[in-house]
Amino acid sequence: QVQLVESGGGLVQPGGSLRLSCAASGFTFSIYDMGWYRQAPGDQRELVAVITSGGGTNYADSVKGRFTISRDNAKNTVYLQMGSLKPEDTADYYCNAGYRFHSYWGQGTQVTVSS
């Protein structure tokens, strides 16, 4: 079974930090591009950050300089380190794996930024 399991979400104050993890199994993790997406209530799912199989990264303008995506192929895990969090970062965060026509999604983890 292909599985992507996110963890690390929770409630954090503005200006705080949080690290999300996505543990993958059931596919060859190292050849997949990995991404983090988020979806606020009533909104569309949007790309937050991506890290390619080769380690290259791209970020949404809204999180650039605050978030860092990384991967550990030995652990089949991708991370999203979030800092300087803002209320507008509040959303469900989803892990995605993509390779050619394959695309897998996790169930998501909630991040709430509020004072």
C-alpha atoms as a PDB file:
ATOM      1  CA  GLN A   1       0.000   0.000   0.000  1.00  0.00           C
ATOM      2  CA  VAL A   2       1.162   3.490  -0.841  1.00  0.00           C
ATOM      3  CA  GLN A   3       1.060   5.654   2.247  1.00  0.00           C
ATOM      4  CA  LEU A   4       1.908   9.262   2.985  1.00  0.00           C
ATOM      5  CA  VAL A   5       1.381  10.117   6.634  1.00  0.00           C
ATOM      6  CA  GLU A   6       1.747  13.708   7.762  1.00  0.00           C
ATOM      7  CA  SER A   7       2.467  14.690  11.332  1.00  0.00           C
ATOM      8  CA  GLY A   8       3.600  17.680  13.350  1.00  0.00           C
ATOM      9  CA  GLY A   9       0.656  19.990  12.926  1.00  0.00           C
ATOM     10  CA  GLY A  10      -0.957  21.848  15.764  1.00  0.00           C
ATOM     11  CA  LEU A  11      -1.721  25.208  17.291  1.00  0.00           C
ATOM     12  CA  VAL A  12       1.046  27.787  17.332  1.00  0.00           C
ATOM     13  CA  GLN A  13       1.203  31.507  18.071  1.00  0.00           C
ATOM     14  CA  PRO A  14       2.062  34.045  15.384  1.00  0.00           C
ATOM     15  CA  GLY A  15       5.810  34.255  15.020  1.00  0.00           C
ATOM     16  CA  GLY A  16       6.245  30.696  16.174  1.00  0.00           C
ATOM     17  CA  SER A  17       7.624  27.698  14.362  1.00  0.00           C
ATOM     18  CA  LEU A  18       6.546  24.187  13.556  1.00  0.00           C
ATOM     19  CA  ARG A  19       8.034  21.249  11.693  1.00  0.00           C
ATOM     20  CA  LEU A  20       5.833  18.999   9.618  1.00  0.00           C
ATOM     21  CA  SER A  21       6.883  15.503   8.645  1.00  0.00           C
ATOM     22  CA  CYS A  22       5.597  13.209   5.930  1.00  0.00           C
ATOM     23  CA  ALA A  23       6.502   9.552   6.200  1.00  0.00           C
ATOM     24  CA  ALA A  24       6.231   7.671   2.911  1.00  0.00           C
ATOM     25  CA  SER A  25       5.982   3.980   2.174  1.00  0.00           C
ATOM     26  CA  GLY A  26       4.919   1.648  -0.611  1.00  0.00           C
ATOM     27  CA  PHE A  27       6.870   3.281  -3.445  1.00  0.00           C
ATOM     28  CA  THR A  28      10.408   4.220  -4.439  1.00  0.00           C
ATOM     29  CA  PHE A  29      10.652   7.443  -2.487  1.00  0.00           C
ATOM     30  CA  SER A  30      14.028   8.596  -3.812  1.00  0.00           C
ATOM     31  CA  ILE A  31      12.885   9.009  -7.435  1.00  0.00           C
ATOM     32  CA  TYR A  32       9.781  11.025  -6.569  1.00  0.00           C
ATOM     33  CA  ASP A  33       9.420  14.760  -6.415  1.00  0.00           C
ATOM     34  CA  MET A  34       7.890  15.676  -3.066  1.00  0.00           C
ATOM     35  CA  GLY A  35       5.739  18.640  -2.250  1.00  0.00           C
ATOM     36  CA  TRP A  36       3.779  20.297   0.497  1.00  0.00           C
ATOM     37  CA  TYR A  37       0.405  21.814  -0.287  1.00  0.00           C
ATOM     38  CA  ARG A  38      -2.081  23.574   1.920  1.00  0.00           C
ATOM     39  CA  GLN A  39      -5.788  24.216   1.850  1.00  0.00           C
ATOM     40  CA  ALA A  40      -7.673  26.737   3.921  1.00  0.00           C
ATOM     41  CA  PRO A  41     -11.418  26.311   4.491  1.00  0.00           C
ATOM     42  CA  GLY A  42     -13.370  27.173   1.347  1.00  0.00           C
ATOM     43  CA  ASP A  43     -10.201  27.584  -0.689  1.00  0.00           C
ATOM     44  CA  GLN A  44      -8.369  25.552  -3.297  1.00  0.00           C
ATOM     45  CA  ARG A  45      -5.344  23.481  -2.475  1.00  0.00           C
ATOM     46  CA  GLU A  46      -2.189  25.451  -3.224  1.00  0.00           C
ATOM     47  CA  LEU A  47       1.457  24.564  -3.553  1.00  0.00           C
ATOM     48  CA  VAL A  48       3.640  25.618  -0.636  1.00  0.00           C
ATOM     49  CA  ALA A  49       6.981  24.029  -1.447  1.00  0.00           C
ATOM     50  CA  VAL A  50       8.475  21.319  -3.618  1.00  0.00           C
ATOM     51  CA  ILE A  51      11.707  19.379  -3.475  1.00  0.00           C
ATOM     52  CA  THR A  52      12.707  17.355  -6.509  1.00  0.00           C
ATOM     53  CA  SER A  53      14.278  13.939  -6.537  1.00  0.00           C
ATOM     54  CA  GLY A  54      17.584  15.722  -7.152  1.00  0.00           C
ATOM     55  CA  GLY A  55      17.162  18.016  -4.155  1.00  0.00           C
ATOM     56  CA  GLY A  56      16.190  21.229  -5.905  1.00  0.00           C
ATOM     57  CA  THR A  57      13.592  23.344  -4.116  1.00  0.00           C
ATOM     58  CA  ASN A  58      10.903  25.865  -4.986  1.00  0.00           C
ATOM     59  CA  TYR A  59       8.601  27.836  -2.729  1.00  0.00           C
ATOM     60  CA  ALA A  60       5.451  29.846  -2.958  1.00  0.00           C
ATOM     61  CA  ASP A  61       6.218  33.552  -2.704  1.00  0.00           C
ATOM     62  CA  SER A  62       4.105  33.755   0.432  1.00  0.00           C
ATOM     63  CA  VAL A  63       6.391  31.403   2.368  1.00  0.00           C
ATOM     64  CA  LYS A  64       9.766  32.123   0.789  1.00  0.00           C
ATOM     65  CA  GLY A  65      12.351  32.896   3.433  1.00  0.00           C
ATOM     66  CA  ARG A  66      10.197  31.470   6.211  1.00  0.00           C
ATOM     67  CA  PHE A  67       9.695  27.826   5.258  1.00  0.00           C
ATOM     68  CA  THR A  68      12.253  25.194   4.338  1.00  0.00           C
ATOM     69  CA  ILE A  69      11.491  21.896   2.655  1.00  0.00           C
ATOM     70  CA  SER A  70      13.919  19.016   2.992  1.00  0.00           C
ATOM     71  CA  ARG A  71      14.009  15.290   2.471  1.00  0.00           C
ATOM     72  CA  ASP A  72      15.754  12.309   3.971  1.00  0.00           C
ATOM     73  CA  ASN A  73      15.712   9.512   1.429  1.00  0.00           C
ATOM     74  CA  ALA A  74      17.126   7.044   3.944  1.00  0.00           C
ATOM     75  CA  LYS A  75      14.073   7.649   6.123  1.00  0.00           C
ATOM     76  CA  ASN A  76      11.580   8.019   3.249  1.00  0.00           C
ATOM     77  CA  THR A  77      10.537  11.277   4.853  1.00  0.00           C
ATOM     78  CA  VAL A  78      10.007  14.826   3.662  1.00  0.00           C
ATOM     79  CA  TYR A  79       9.884  17.759   6.068  1.00  0.00           C
ATOM     80  CA  LEU A  80       8.550  21.265   6.091  1.00  0.00           C
ATOM     81  CA  GLN A  81      10.194  23.543   8.626  1.00  0.00           C
ATOM     82  CA  MET A  82       7.906  26.516   9.157  1.00  0.00           C
ATOM     83  CA  GLY A  83       9.067  29.647  10.901  1.00  0.00           C
ATOM     84  CA  SER A  84       7.759  33.155  11.513  1.00  0.00           C
ATOM     85  CA  LEU A  85       4.276  31.754  11.216  1.00  0.00           C
ATOM     86  CA  LYS A  86       1.399  34.044  10.367  1.00  0.00           C
ATOM     87  CA  PRO A  87      -2.356  33.603  10.824  1.00  0.00           C
ATOM     88  CA  GLU A  88      -2.680  33.321   7.048  1.00  0.00           C
ATOM     89  CA  ASP A  89      -0.598  30.145   7.215  1.00  0.00           C
ATOM     90  CA  THR A  90      -3.527  28.457   8.931  1.00  0.00           C
ATOM     91  CA  ALA A  91      -4.603  25.522   6.767  1.00  0.00           C
ATOM     92  CA  ASP A  92      -4.584  21.800   6.361  1.00  0.00           C
ATOM     93  CA  TYR A  93      -1.176  20.806   5.052  1.00  0.00           C
ATOM     94  CA  TYR A  94      -0.843  17.890   2.652  1.00  0.00           C
ATOM     95  CA  CYS A  95       2.121  15.890   1.475  1.00  0.00           C
ATOM     96  CA  ASN A  96       2.347  14.949  -2.206  1.00  0.00           C
ATOM     97  CA  ALA A  97       4.568  12.547  -4.106  1.00  0.00           C
ATOM     98  CA  GLY A  98       4.862  12.740  -7.886  1.00  0.00           C
ATOM     99  CA  TYR A  99       6.710  10.799 -10.554  1.00  0.00           C
ATOM    100  CA  ARG A 100       5.657  10.681 -14.199  1.00  0.00           C
ATOM    101  CA  PHE A 101       1.928   9.887 -14.103  1.00  0.00           C
ATOM    102  CA  HIS A 102       2.008   8.818 -10.462  1.00  0.00           C
ATOM    103  CA  SER A 103       0.674  11.200  -7.849  1.00  0.00           C
ATOM    104  CA  TYR A 104      -0.036  10.324  -4.238  1.00  0.00           C
ATOM    105  CA  TRP A 105      -1.521  12.351  -1.399  1.00  0.00           C
ATOM    106  CA  GLY A 106      -1.522  12.126   2.348  1.00  0.00           C
ATOM    107  CA  GLN A 107      -4.538  12.804   4.531  1.00  0.00           C
ATOM    108  CA  GLY A 108      -3.231  16.099   5.822  1.00  0.00           C
ATOM    109  CA  THR A 109      -2.321  17.673   9.123  1.00  0.00           C
ATOM    110  CA  GLN A 110      -3.868  20.807  10.603  1.00  0.00           C
ATOM    111  CA  VAL A 111      -1.851  23.926  11.283  1.00  0.00           C
ATOM    112  CA  THR A 112      -3.523  26.742  13.173  1.00  0.00           C
ATOM    113  CA  VAL A 113      -1.675  30.002  13.770  1.00  0.00           C
ATOM    114  CA  SER A 114      -3.530  32.086  16.303  1.00  0.00           C
ATOM    115  CA  SER A 115      -2.962  34.134  19.408  1.00  0.00           C
END
